[in-house]
């Protein structure tokens, strides 16, 4: 892909922001917070 990172498909900017924050929580090992 020409994209540096994998695009994600959502119609909601709020959902995208929540997803990104959760992924950061997952990377930082806050696993249940990521689930939320």
ModelCIF file with pLDDT and N, C-alpha, C, O atoms, coordinates in Angstrom:
data_MODEL
#
_entry.id   MODEL 
#
_entity.id                         1 
_entity.type                       polymer 
_entity.pdbx_number_of_molecules   1 
#
_entity_poly.entity_id                      1 
_entity_poly.type                           'polypeptide(L)' 
_entity_poly.nstd_linkage                   no 
_entity_poly.nstd_monomer                   no 
_entity_poly.pdbx_seq_one_letter_code       
;(UNK)(UNK)(UNK)(UNK)(UNK)(UNK)(UNK)(UNK)(UNK)(UNK)(UNK)(UNK)(UNK)(UNK)(UNK)(UNK)
(UNK)(UNK)(UNK)(UNK)(UNK)(UNK)(UNK)(UNK)(UNK)(UNK)(UNK)(UNK)(UNK)(UNK)(UNK)(UNK)
(UNK)(UNK)(UNK)(UNK)
;
_entity_poly.pdbx_seq_one_letter_code_can   XXXXXXXXXXXXXXXXXXXXXXXXXXXXXXXXXXXX 
_entity_poly.pdbx_strand_id                 A 
#
loop_
_entity_poly_seq.entity_id 
_entity_poly_seq.num 
_entity_poly_seq.mon_id 
_entity_poly_seq.hetero 
1 1  UNK n 
1 2  UNK n 
1 3  UNK n 
1 4  UNK n 
1 5  UNK n 
1 6  UNK n 
1 7  UNK n 
1 8  UNK n 
1 9  UNK n 
1 10 UNK n 
1 11 UNK n 
1 12 UNK n 
1 13 UNK n 
1 14 UNK n 
1 15 UNK n 
1 16 UNK n 
1 17 UNK n 
1 18 UNK n 
1 19 UNK n 
1 20 UNK n 
1 21 UNK n 
1 22 UNK n 
1 23 UNK n 
1 24 UNK n 
1 25 UNK n 
1 26 UNK n 
1 27 UNK n 
1 28 UNK n 
1 29 UNK n 
1 30 UNK n 
1 31 UNK n 
1 32 UNK n 
1 33 UNK n 
1 34 UNK n 
1 35 UNK n 
1 36 UNK n 
#
_struct_asym.id          A 
_struct_asym.entity_id   1 
#
loop_
_ma_qa_metric.id 
_ma_qa_metric.mode 
_ma_qa_metric.name 
_ma_qa_metric.software_group_id 
_ma_qa_metric.type 
1 global pLDDT . pLDDT 
2 local  pLDDT . pLDDT 
#
_ma_qa_metric_global.metric_id      1 
_ma_qa_metric_global.metric_value   95.83 
_ma_qa_metric_global.model_id       1 
_ma_qa_metric_global.ordinal_id     1 
#
loop_
_ma_qa_metric_local.label_asym_id 
_ma_qa_metric_local.label_comp_id 
_ma_qa_metric_local.label_seq_id 
_ma_qa_metric_local.metric_id 
_ma_qa_metric_local.metric_value 
_ma_qa_metric_local.model_id 
_ma_qa_metric_local.ordinal_id 
A UNK 1  2 88.00 1 1  
A UNK 2  2 85.00 1 2  
A UNK 3  2 88.00 1 3  
A UNK 4  2 90.00 1 4  
A UNK 5  2 94.00 1 5  
A UNK 6  2 97.00 1 6  
A UNK 7  2 95.00 1 7  
A UNK 8  2 96.00 1 8  
A UNK 9  2 97.00 1 9  
A UNK 10 2 97.00 1 10 
A UNK 11 2 95.00 1 11 
A UNK 12 2 98.00 1 12 
A UNK 13 2 97.00 1 13 
A UNK 14 2 98.00 1 14 
A UNK 15 2 98.00 1 15 
A UNK 16 2 98.00 1 16 
A UNK 17 2 98.00 1 17 
A UNK 18 2 98.00 1 18 
A UNK 19 2 98.00 1 19 
A UNK 20 2 97.00 1 20 
A UNK 21 2 98.00 1 21 
A UNK 22 2 98.00 1 22 
A UNK 23 2 97.00 1 23 
A UNK 24 2 97.00 1 24 
A UNK 25 2 98.00 1 25 
A UNK 26 2 97.00 1 26 
A UNK 27 2 96.00 1 27 
A UNK 28 2 94.00 1 28 
A UNK 29 2 94.00 1 29 
A UNK 30 2 96.00 1 30 
A UNK 31 2 96.00 1 31 
A UNK 32 2 96.00 1 32 
A UNK 33 2 97.00 1 33 
A UNK 34 2 98.00 1 34 
A UNK 35 2 98.00 1 35 
A UNK 36 2 98.00 1 36 
#
loop_
_atom_site.group_PDB 
_atom_site.id 
_atom_site.type_symbol 
_atom_site.label_atom_id 
_atom_site.label_alt_id 
_atom_site.label_comp_id 
_atom_site.label_asym_id 
_atom_site.label_entity_id 
_atom_site.label_seq_id 
_atom_site.pdbx_PDB_ins_code 
_atom_site.Cartn_x 
_atom_site.Cartn_y 
_atom_site.Cartn_z 
_atom_site.occupancy 
_atom_site.B_iso_or_equiv 
_atom_site.pdbx_formal_charge 
_atom_site.auth_seq_id 
_atom_site.auth_comp_id 
_atom_site.auth_asym_id 
_atom_site.auth_atom_id 
_atom_site.pdbx_PDB_model_num 
ATOM 1   N N  . UNK A 1 1  ? 0.838   -1.198 0.000  1.00 88.00 ? 1  UNK A N  1 
ATOM 2   C CA . UNK A 1 1  ? 0.000   0.000  0.000  1.00 88.00 ? 1  UNK A CA 1 
ATOM 3   C C  . UNK A 1 1  ? 0.872   1.246  0.000  1.00 88.00 ? 1  UNK A C  1 
ATOM 4   O O  . UNK A 1 1  ? 1.977   1.247  0.543  1.00 88.00 ? 1  UNK A O  1 
ATOM 5   N N  . UNK A 1 2  ? 0.361   2.304  -0.615 1.00 85.00 ? 2  UNK A N  1 
ATOM 6   C CA . UNK A 1 2  ? 1.068   3.583  -0.564 1.00 85.00 ? 2  UNK A CA 1 
ATOM 7   C C  . UNK A 1 2  ? 0.897   4.250  0.792  1.00 85.00 ? 2  UNK A C  1 
ATOM 8   O O  . UNK A 1 2  ? 1.639   5.172  1.130  1.00 85.00 ? 2  UNK A O  1 
ATOM 9   N N  . UNK A 1 3  ? -0.087  3.785  1.577  1.00 88.00 ? 3  UNK A N  1 
ATOM 10  C CA . UNK A 1 3  ? -0.323  4.338  2.916  1.00 88.00 ? 3  UNK A CA 1 
ATOM 11  C C  . UNK A 1 3  ? 0.708   3.787  3.886  1.00 88.00 ? 3  UNK A C  1 
ATOM 12  O O  . UNK A 1 3  ? 1.070   2.613  3.822  1.00 88.00 ? 3  UNK A O  1 
ATOM 13  N N  . UNK A 1 4  ? 1.174   4.636  4.778  1.00 90.00 ? 4  UNK A N  1 
ATOM 14  C CA . UNK A 1 4  ? 2.160   4.206  5.762  1.00 90.00 ? 4  UNK A CA 1 
ATOM 15  C C  . UNK A 1 4  ? 1.516   3.336  6.832  1.00 90.00 ? 4  UNK A C  1 
ATOM 16  O O  . UNK A 1 4  ? 2.155   2.434  7.374  1.00 90.00 ? 4  UNK A O  1 
ATOM 17  N N  . UNK A 1 5  ? 0.244   3.607  7.137  1.00 94.00 ? 5  UNK A N  1 
ATOM 18  C CA . UNK A 1 5  ? -0.481  2.836  8.132  1.00 94.00 ? 5  UNK A CA 1 
ATOM 19  C C  . UNK A 1 5  ? -1.780  2.312  7.530  1.00 94.00 ? 5  UNK A C  1 
ATOM 20  O O  . UNK A 1 5  ? -2.283  2.862  6.550  1.00 94.00 ? 5  UNK A O  1 
ATOM 21  N N  . UNK A 1 6  ? -2.311  1.268  8.108  1.00 97.00 ? 6  UNK A N  1 
ATOM 22  C CA . UNK A 1 6  ? -3.539  0.663  7.595  1.00 97.00 ? 6  UNK A CA 1 
ATOM 23  C C  . UNK A 1 6  ? -4.723  1.598  7.801  1.00 97.00 ? 6  UNK A C  1 
ATOM 24  O O  . UNK A 1 6  ? -4.991  1.996  8.935  1.00 97.00 ? 6  UNK A O  1 
ATOM 25  N N  . UNK A 1 7  ? -5.441  1.959  6.740  1.00 95.00 ? 7  UNK A N  1 
ATOM 26  C CA . UNK A 1 7  ? -6.645  2.778  6.918  1.00 95.00 ? 7  UNK A CA 1 
ATOM 27  C C  . UNK A 1 7  ? -7.730  1.982  7.617  1.00 95.00 ? 7  UNK A C  1 
ATOM 28  O O  . UNK A 1 7  ? -7.828  0.765  7.459  1.00 95.00 ? 7  UNK A O  1 
ATOM 29  N N  . UNK A 1 8  ? -8.547  2.687  8.397  1.00 96.00 ? 8  UNK A N  1 
ATOM 30  C CA . UNK A 1 8  ? -9.699  2.045  9.030  1.00 96.00 ? 8  UNK A CA 1 
ATOM 31  C C  . UNK A 1 8  ? -10.968 2.688  8.489  1.00 96.00 ? 8  UNK A C  1 
ATOM 32  O O  . UNK A 1 8  ? -10.997 3.880  8.184  1.00 96.00 ? 8  UNK A O  1 
ATOM 33  N N  . UNK A 1 9  ? -12.011 1.880  8.375  1.00 97.00 ? 9  UNK A N  1 
ATOM 34  C CA . UNK A 1 9  ? -13.248 2.306  7.736  1.00 97.00 ? 9  UNK A CA 1 
ATOM 35  C C  . UNK A 1 9  ? -14.308 2.605  8.787  1.00 97.00 ? 9  UNK A C  1 
ATOM 36  O O  . UNK A 1 9  ? -14.815 1.697  9.446  1.00 97.00 ? 9  UNK A O  1 
ATOM 37  N N  . UNK A 1 10 ? -14.639 3.882  8.937  1.00 97.00 ? 10 UNK A N  1 
ATOM 38  C CA . UNK A 1 10 ? -15.717 4.292  9.822  1.00 97.00 ? 10 UNK A CA 1 
ATOM 39  C C  . UNK A 1 10 ? -16.289 5.609  9.317  1.00 97.00 ? 10 UNK A C  1 
ATOM 40  O O  . UNK A 1 10 ? -15.574 6.446  8.766  1.00 97.00 ? 10 UNK A O  1 
ATOM 41  N N  . UNK A 1 11 ? -17.579 5.773  9.515  1.00 95.00 ? 11 UNK A N  1 
ATOM 42  C CA . UNK A 1 11 ? -18.251 7.011  9.119  1.00 95.00 ? 11 UNK A CA 1 
ATOM 43  C C  . UNK A 1 11 ? -18.280 8.024  10.249 1.00 95.00 ? 11 UNK A C  1 
ATOM 44  O O  . UNK A 1 11 ? -18.787 9.133  10.078 1.00 95.00 ? 11 UNK A O  1 
ATOM 45  N N  . UNK A 1 12 ? -17.735 7.650  11.412 1.00 98.00 ? 12 UNK A N  1 
ATOM 46  C CA . UNK A 1 12 ? -17.843 8.485  12.604 1.00 98.00 ? 12 UNK A CA 1 
ATOM 47  C C  . UNK A 1 12 ? -16.474 8.938  13.098 1.00 98.00 ? 12 UNK A C  1 
ATOM 48  O O  . UNK A 1 12 ? -15.676 8.105  13.528 1.00 98.00 ? 12 UNK A O  1 
ATOM 49  N N  . UNK A 1 13 ? -16.182 10.240 13.047 1.00 97.00 ? 13 UNK A N  1 
ATOM 50  C CA . UNK A 1 13 ? -14.925 10.739 13.626 1.00 97.00 ? 13 UNK A CA 1 
ATOM 51  C C  . UNK A 1 13 ? -14.795 10.387 15.114 1.00 97.00 ? 13 UNK A C  1 
ATOM 52  O O  . UNK A 1 13 ? -13.696 10.111 15.597 1.00 97.00 ? 13 UNK A O  1 
ATOM 53  N N  . UNK A 1 14 ? -15.913 10.399 15.830 1.00 98.00 ? 14 UNK A N  1 
ATOM 54  C CA . UNK A 1 14 ? -15.874 10.032 17.249 1.00 98.00 ? 14 UNK A CA 1 
ATOM 55  C C  . UNK A 1 14 ? -15.436 8.588  17.415 1.00 98.00 ? 14 UNK A C  1 
ATOM 56  O O  . UNK A 1 14 ? -14.611 8.281  18.276 1.00 98.00 ? 14 UNK A O  1 
ATOM 57  N N  . UNK A 1 15 ? -15.991 7.690  16.586 1.00 98.00 ? 15 UNK A N  1 
ATOM 58  C CA . UNK A 1 15 ? -15.613 6.277  16.661 1.00 98.00 ? 15 UNK A CA 1 
ATOM 59  C C  . UNK A 1 15 ? -14.137 6.100  16.347 1.00 98.00 ? 15 UNK A C  1 
ATOM 60  O O  . UNK A 1 15 ? -13.460 5.299  16.991 1.00 98.00 ? 15 UNK A O  1 
ATOM 61  N N  . UNK A 1 16 ? -13.631 6.835  15.365 1.00 98.00 ? 16 UNK A N  1 
ATOM 62  C CA . UNK A 1 16 ? -12.217 6.736  14.999 1.00 98.00 ? 16 UNK A CA 1 
ATOM 63  C C  . UNK A 1 16 ? -11.326 7.191  16.149 1.00 98.00 ? 16 UNK A C  1 
ATOM 64  O O  . UNK A 1 16 ? -10.302 6.570  16.435 1.00 98.00 ? 16 UNK A O  1 
ATOM 65  N N  . UNK A 1 17 ? -11.720 8.276  16.803 1.00 98.00 ? 17 UNK A N  1 
ATOM 66  C CA . UNK A 1 17 ? -10.933 8.771  17.930 1.00 98.00 ? 17 UNK A CA 1 
ATOM 67  C C  . UNK A 1 17 ? -10.946 7.767  19.082 1.00 98.00 ? 17 UNK A C  1 
ATOM 68  O O  . UNK A 1 17 ? -9.912  7.511  19.700 1.00 98.00 ? 17 UNK A O  1 
ATOM 69  N N  . UNK A 1 18 ? -12.106 7.207  19.365 1.00 98.00 ? 18 UNK A N  1 
ATOM 70  C CA . UNK A 1 18 ? -12.215 6.198  20.431 1.00 98.00 ? 18 UNK A CA 1 
ATOM 71  C C  . UNK A 1 18 ? -11.375 4.961  20.104 1.00 98.00 ? 18 UNK A C  1 
ATOM 72  O O  . UNK A 1 18 ? -10.726 4.391  20.980 1.00 98.00 ? 18 UNK A O  1 
ATOM 73  N N  . UNK A 1 19 ? -11.396 4.557  18.835 1.00 98.00 ? 19 UNK A N  1 
ATOM 74  C CA . UNK A 1 19 ? -10.611 3.404  18.397 1.00 98.00 ? 19 UNK A CA 1 
ATOM 75  C C  . UNK A 1 19 ? -9.119  3.654  18.604 1.00 98.00 ? 19 UNK A C  1 
ATOM 76  O O  . UNK A 1 19 ? -8.411  2.803  19.143 1.00 98.00 ? 19 UNK A O  1 
ATOM 77  N N  . UNK A 1 20 ? -8.645  4.821  18.174 1.00 97.00 ? 20 UNK A N  1 
ATOM 78  C CA . UNK A 1 20 ? -7.221  5.138  18.295 1.00 97.00 ? 20 UNK A CA 1 
ATOM 79  C C  . UNK A 1 20 ? -6.788  5.201  19.757 1.00 97.00 ? 20 UNK A C  1 
ATOM 80  O O  . UNK A 1 20 ? -5.715  4.713  20.114 1.00 97.00 ? 20 UNK A O  1 
ATOM 81  N N  . UNK A 1 21 ? -7.624  5.803  20.598 1.00 98.00 ? 21 UNK A N  1 
ATOM 82  C CA . UNK A 1 21 ? -7.292  5.890  22.017 1.00 98.00 ? 21 UNK A CA 1 
ATOM 83  C C  . UNK A 1 21 ? -7.227  4.484  22.641 1.00 98.00 ? 21 UNK A C  1 
ATOM 84  O O  . UNK A 1 21 ? -6.351  4.190  23.454 1.00 98.00 ? 21 UNK A O  1 
ATOM 85  N N  . UNK A 1 22 ? -8.171  3.634  22.239 1.00 98.00 ? 22 UNK A N  1 
ATOM 86  C CA . UNK A 1 22 ? -8.183  2.268  22.760 1.00 98.00 ? 22 UNK A CA 1 
ATOM 87  C C  . UNK A 1 22 ? -6.954  1.491  22.309 1.00 98.00 ? 22 UNK A C  1 
ATOM 88  O O  . UNK A 1 22 ? -6.407  0.697  23.074 1.00 98.00 ? 22 UNK A O  1 
ATOM 89  N N  . UNK A 1 23 ? -6.517  1.715  21.072 1.00 97.00 ? 23 UNK A N  1 
ATOM 90  C CA . UNK A 1 23 ? -5.330  1.023  20.579 1.00 97.00 ? 23 UNK A CA 1 
ATOM 91  C C  . UNK A 1 23 ? -4.094  1.467  21.352 1.00 97.00 ? 23 UNK A C  1 
ATOM 92  O O  . UNK A 1 23 ? -3.222  0.651  21.650 1.00 97.00 ? 23 UNK A O  1 
ATOM 93  N N  . UNK A 1 24 ? -4.016  2.751  21.678 1.00 97.00 ? 24 UNK A N  1 
ATOM 94  C CA . UNK A 1 24 ? -2.919  3.240  22.511 1.00 97.00 ? 24 UNK A CA 1 
ATOM 95  C C  . UNK A 1 24 ? -2.971  2.609  23.897 1.00 97.00 ? 24 UNK A C  1 
ATOM 96  O O  . UNK A 1 24 ? -1.935  2.236  24.448 1.00 97.00 ? 24 UNK A O  1 
ATOM 97  N N  . UNK A 1 25 ? -4.171  2.486  24.463 1.00 98.00 ? 25 UNK A N  1 
ATOM 98  C CA . UNK A 1 25 ? -4.304  1.816  25.763 1.00 98.00 ? 25 UNK A CA 1 
ATOM 99  C C  . UNK A 1 25 ? -3.825  0.368  25.664 1.00 98.00 ? 25 UNK A C  1 
ATOM 100 O O  . UNK A 1 25 ? -3.134  -0.124 26.557 1.00 98.00 ? 25 UNK A O  1 
ATOM 101 N N  . UNK A 1 26 ? -4.193  -0.308 24.582 1.00 97.00 ? 26 UNK A N  1 
ATOM 102 C CA . UNK A 1 26 ? -3.763  -1.693 24.394 1.00 97.00 ? 26 UNK A CA 1 
ATOM 103 C C  . UNK A 1 26 ? -2.235  -1.776 24.341 1.00 97.00 ? 26 UNK A C  1 
ATOM 104 O O  . UNK A 1 26 ? -1.635  -2.642 24.978 1.00 97.00 ? 26 UNK A O  1 
ATOM 105 N N  . UNK A 1 27 ? -1.618  -0.885 23.589 1.00 96.00 ? 27 UNK A N  1 
ATOM 106 C CA . UNK A 1 27 ? -0.160  -0.884 23.467 1.00 96.00 ? 27 UNK A CA 1 
ATOM 107 C C  . UNK A 1 27 ? 0.509   -0.635 24.812 1.00 96.00 ? 27 UNK A C  1 
ATOM 108 O O  . UNK A 1 27 ? 1.599   -1.143 25.075 1.00 96.00 ? 27 UNK A O  1 
ATOM 109 N N  . UNK A 1 28 ? -0.148  0.145  25.661 1.00 94.00 ? 28 UNK A N  1 
ATOM 110 C CA . UNK A 1 28 ? 0.391   0.451  26.981 1.00 94.00 ? 28 UNK A CA 1 
ATOM 111 C C  . UNK A 1 28 ? -0.050  -0.552 28.044 1.00 94.00 ? 28 UNK A C  1 
ATOM 112 O O  . UNK A 1 28 ? 0.176   -0.351 29.238 1.00 94.00 ? 28 UNK A O  1 
ATOM 113 N N  . UNK A 1 29 ? -0.687  -1.641 27.588 1.00 94.00 ? 29 UNK A N  1 
ATOM 114 C CA . UNK A 1 29 ? -1.069  -2.768 28.430 1.00 94.00 ? 29 UNK A CA 1 
ATOM 115 C C  . UNK A 1 29 ? -2.208  -2.460 29.393 1.00 94.00 ? 29 UNK A C  1 
ATOM 116 O O  . UNK A 1 29 ? -2.387  -3.148 30.398 1.00 94.00 ? 29 UNK A O  1 
ATOM 117 N N  . UNK A 1 30 ? -2.978  -1.416 29.078 1.00 96.00 ? 30 UNK A N  1 
ATOM 118 C CA . UNK A 1 30 ? -4.215  -1.156 29.815 1.00 96.00 ? 30 UNK A CA 1 
ATOM 119 C C  . UNK A 1 30 ? -5.336  -1.867 29.052 1.00 96.00 ? 30 UNK A C  1 
ATOM 120 O O  . UNK A 1 30 ? -6.118  -1.236 28.341 1.00 96.00 ? 30 UNK A O  1 
ATOM 121 N N  . UNK A 1 31 ? -5.397  -3.176 29.213 1.00 96.00 ? 31 UNK A N  1 
ATOM 122 C CA . UNK A 1 31 ? -6.197  -4.005 28.316 1.00 96.00 ? 31 UNK A CA 1 
ATOM 123 C C  . UNK A 1 31 ? -7.695  -3.818 28.516 1.00 96.00 ? 31 UNK A C  1 
ATOM 124 O O  . UNK A 1 31 ? -8.442  -3.757 27.539 1.00 96.00 ? 31 UNK A O  1 
ATOM 125 N N  . UNK A 1 32 ? -8.146  -3.726 29.759 1.00 96.00 ? 32 UNK A N  1 
ATOM 126 C CA . UNK A 1 32 ? -9.584  -3.553 29.972 1.00 96.00 ? 32 UNK A CA 1 
ATOM 127 C C  . UNK A 1 32 ? -10.017 -2.151 29.550 1.00 96.00 ? 32 UNK A C  1 
ATOM 128 O O  . UNK A 1 32 ? -11.123 -1.972 29.041 1.00 96.00 ? 32 UNK A O  1 
ATOM 129 N N  . UNK A 1 33 ? -9.166  -1.171 29.756 1.00 97.00 ? 33 UNK A N  1 
ATOM 130 C CA . UNK A 1 33 ? -9.499  0.180  29.286 1.00 97.00 ? 33 UNK A CA 1 
ATOM 131 C C  . UNK A 1 33 ? -9.597  0.205  27.767 1.00 97.00 ? 33 UNK A C  1 
ATOM 132 O O  . UNK A 1 33 ? -10.418 0.927  27.202 1.00 97.00 ? 33 UNK A O  1 
ATOM 133 N N  . UNK A 1 34 ? -8.759  -0.584 27.114 1.00 98.00 ? 34 UNK A N  1 
ATOM 134 C CA . UNK A 1 34 ? -8.857  -0.701 25.654 1.00 98.00 ? 34 UNK A CA 1 
ATOM 135 C C  . UNK A 1 34 ? -10.194 -1.299 25.254 1.00 98.00 ? 34 UNK A C  1 
ATOM 136 O O  . UNK A 1 34 ? -10.829 -0.824 24.313 1.00 98.00 ? 34 UNK A O  1 
ATOM 137 N N  . UNK A 1 35 ? -10.631 -2.341 25.961 1.00 98.00 ? 35 UNK A N  1 
ATOM 138 C CA . UNK A 1 35 ? -11.931 -2.939 25.666 1.00 98.00 ? 35 UNK A CA 1 
ATOM 139 C C  . UNK A 1 35 ? -13.054 -1.918 25.794 1.00 98.00 ? 35 UNK A C  1 
ATOM 140 O O  . UNK A 1 35 ? -13.951 -1.866 24.952 1.00 98.00 ? 35 UNK A O  1 
ATOM 141 N N  . UNK A 1 36 ? -13.004 -1.113 26.840 1.00 98.00 ? 36 UNK A N  1 
ATOM 142 C CA . UNK A 1 36 ? -14.034 -0.099 27.052 1.00 98.00 ? 36 UNK A CA 1 
ATOM 143 C C  . UNK A 1 36 ? -14.062 0.862  25.867 1.00 98.00 ? 36 UNK A C  1 
ATOM 144 O O  . UNK A 1 36 ? -14.864 1.795  25.847 1.00 98.00 ? 36 UNK A O  1 
#
